[in-house]
């Protein structure tokens, strides 16, 4: 059985950079939306999604 519980995903550095920039853009947009409307759910959803992306891309 494997020592790690997350799958190993091999990703090119350019794809990681694009995903990081898209995540930053999504977080900024969600934070702006939350500040304008007071609705916190989109910000929480984006934050959780980014945490999962970081978990699976950086897992070794």
C-alpha atoms as a PDB file:
ATOM      1  CA  UNK A   1       0.000   0.000   0.000  1.00  0.00           C
ATOM      2  CA  UNK A   2       1.152   3.532  -0.729  1.00  0.00           C
ATOM      3  CA  UNK A   3       2.660   5.647   2.034  1.00  0.00           C
ATOM      4  CA  UNK A   4       0.732   8.738   0.948  1.00  0.00           C
ATOM      5  CA  UNK A   5      -3.014   9.060   0.721  1.00  0.00           C
ATOM      6  CA  UNK A   6      -3.079  11.671  -2.066  1.00  0.00           C
ATOM      7  CA  UNK A   7      -2.462  10.816  -5.709  1.00  0.00           C
ATOM      8  CA  UNK A   8       0.807  11.830  -7.357  1.00  0.00           C
ATOM      9  CA  UNK A   9       0.126  14.307 -10.130  1.00  0.00           C
ATOM     10  CA  UNK A  10       2.981  15.368 -12.392  1.00  0.00           C
ATOM     11  CA  UNK A  11       2.338  18.871 -13.715  1.00  0.00           C
ATOM     12  CA  UNK A  12       4.440  21.150 -15.907  1.00  0.00           C
ATOM     13  CA  UNK A  13       5.742  24.333 -14.248  1.00  0.00           C
ATOM     14  CA  UNK A  14       3.880  26.568 -16.711  1.00  0.00           C
ATOM     15  CA  UNK A  15       0.583  24.909 -15.830  1.00  0.00           C
ATOM     16  CA  UNK A  16       1.294  25.376 -12.137  1.00  0.00           C
ATOM     17  CA  UNK A  17       2.017  29.072 -12.756  1.00  0.00           C
ATOM     18  CA  UNK A  18      -1.219  29.507 -14.707  1.00  0.00           C
ATOM     19  CA  UNK A  19      -3.233  27.710 -12.027  1.00  0.00           C
ATOM     20  CA  UNK A  20      -1.629  29.876  -9.335  1.00  0.00           C
ATOM     21  CA  UNK A  21      -2.429  33.084 -11.236  1.00  0.00           C
ATOM     22  CA  UNK A  22      -5.998  31.934 -11.889  1.00  0.00           C
ATOM     23  CA  UNK A  23      -6.377  31.110  -8.209  1.00  0.00           C
ATOM     24  CA  UNK A  24      -5.092  34.515  -7.168  1.00  0.00           C
ATOM     25  CA  UNK A  25      -7.486  36.182  -9.598  1.00  0.00           C
ATOM     26  CA  UNK A  26     -10.404  34.101  -8.337  1.00  0.00           C
ATOM     27  CA  UNK A  27      -9.567  34.904  -4.715  1.00  0.00           C
ATOM     28  CA  UNK A  28      -9.335  38.631  -5.438  1.00  0.00           C
ATOM     29  CA  UNK A  29     -12.647  38.559  -7.317  1.00  0.00           C
ATOM     30  CA  UNK A  30     -14.343  36.607  -4.524  1.00  0.00           C
ATOM     31  CA  UNK A  31     -12.947  38.953  -1.868  1.00  0.00           C
ATOM     32  CA  UNK A  32     -14.166  41.969  -3.838  1.00  0.00           C
ATOM     33  CA  UNK A  33     -17.595  40.360  -4.221  1.00  0.00           C
ATOM     34  CA  UNK A  34     -17.705  39.632  -0.489  1.00  0.00           C
ATOM     35  CA  UNK A  35     -16.763  43.202   0.361  1.00  0.00           C
ATOM     36  CA  UNK A  36     -19.424  44.657  -1.938  1.00  0.00           C
ATOM     37  CA  UNK A  37     -22.307  42.332  -1.065  1.00  0.00           C
ATOM     38  CA  UNK A  38     -21.450  40.939   2.364  1.00  0.00           C
ATOM     39  CA  UNK A  39     -21.943  37.437   0.959  1.00  0.00           C
ATOM     40  CA  UNK A  40     -19.096  35.253   2.240  1.00  0.00           C
ATOM     41  CA  UNK A  41     -19.946  31.923   0.592  1.00  0.00           C
ATOM     42  CA  UNK A  42     -18.103  32.533  -2.739  1.00  0.00           C
ATOM     43  CA  UNK A  43     -14.960  33.521  -0.832  1.00  0.00           C
ATOM     44  CA  UNK A  44     -15.143  30.358   1.280  1.00  0.00           C
ATOM     45  CA  UNK A  45     -15.707  28.175  -1.814  1.00  0.00           C
ATOM     46  CA  UNK A  46     -12.734  29.701  -3.657  1.00  0.00           C
ATOM     47  CA  UNK A  47     -10.524  29.323  -0.592  1.00  0.00           C
ATOM     48  CA  UNK A  48     -11.448  25.661  -0.164  1.00  0.00           C
ATOM     49  CA  UNK A  49     -10.896  24.956  -3.864  1.00  0.00           C
ATOM     50  CA  UNK A  50      -7.475  26.613  -3.777  1.00  0.00           C
ATOM     51  CA  UNK A  51      -6.534  24.586  -0.704  1.00  0.00           C
ATOM     52  CA  UNK A  52      -7.416  21.362  -2.537  1.00  0.00           C
ATOM     53  CA  UNK A  53      -5.452  22.406  -5.628  1.00  0.00           C
ATOM     54  CA  UNK A  54      -2.395  23.197  -3.523  1.00  0.00           C
ATOM     55  CA  UNK A  55      -2.776  19.910  -1.651  1.00  0.00           C
ATOM     56  CA  UNK A  56      -2.871  17.782  -4.797  1.00  0.00           C
ATOM     57  CA  UNK A  57      -0.300  19.687  -6.862  1.00  0.00           C
ATOM     58  CA  UNK A  58       2.316  19.963  -4.127  1.00  0.00           C
ATOM     59  CA  UNK A  59       1.834  16.475  -2.671  1.00  0.00           C
ATOM     60  CA  UNK A  60       4.839  14.189  -2.897  1.00  0.00           C
END
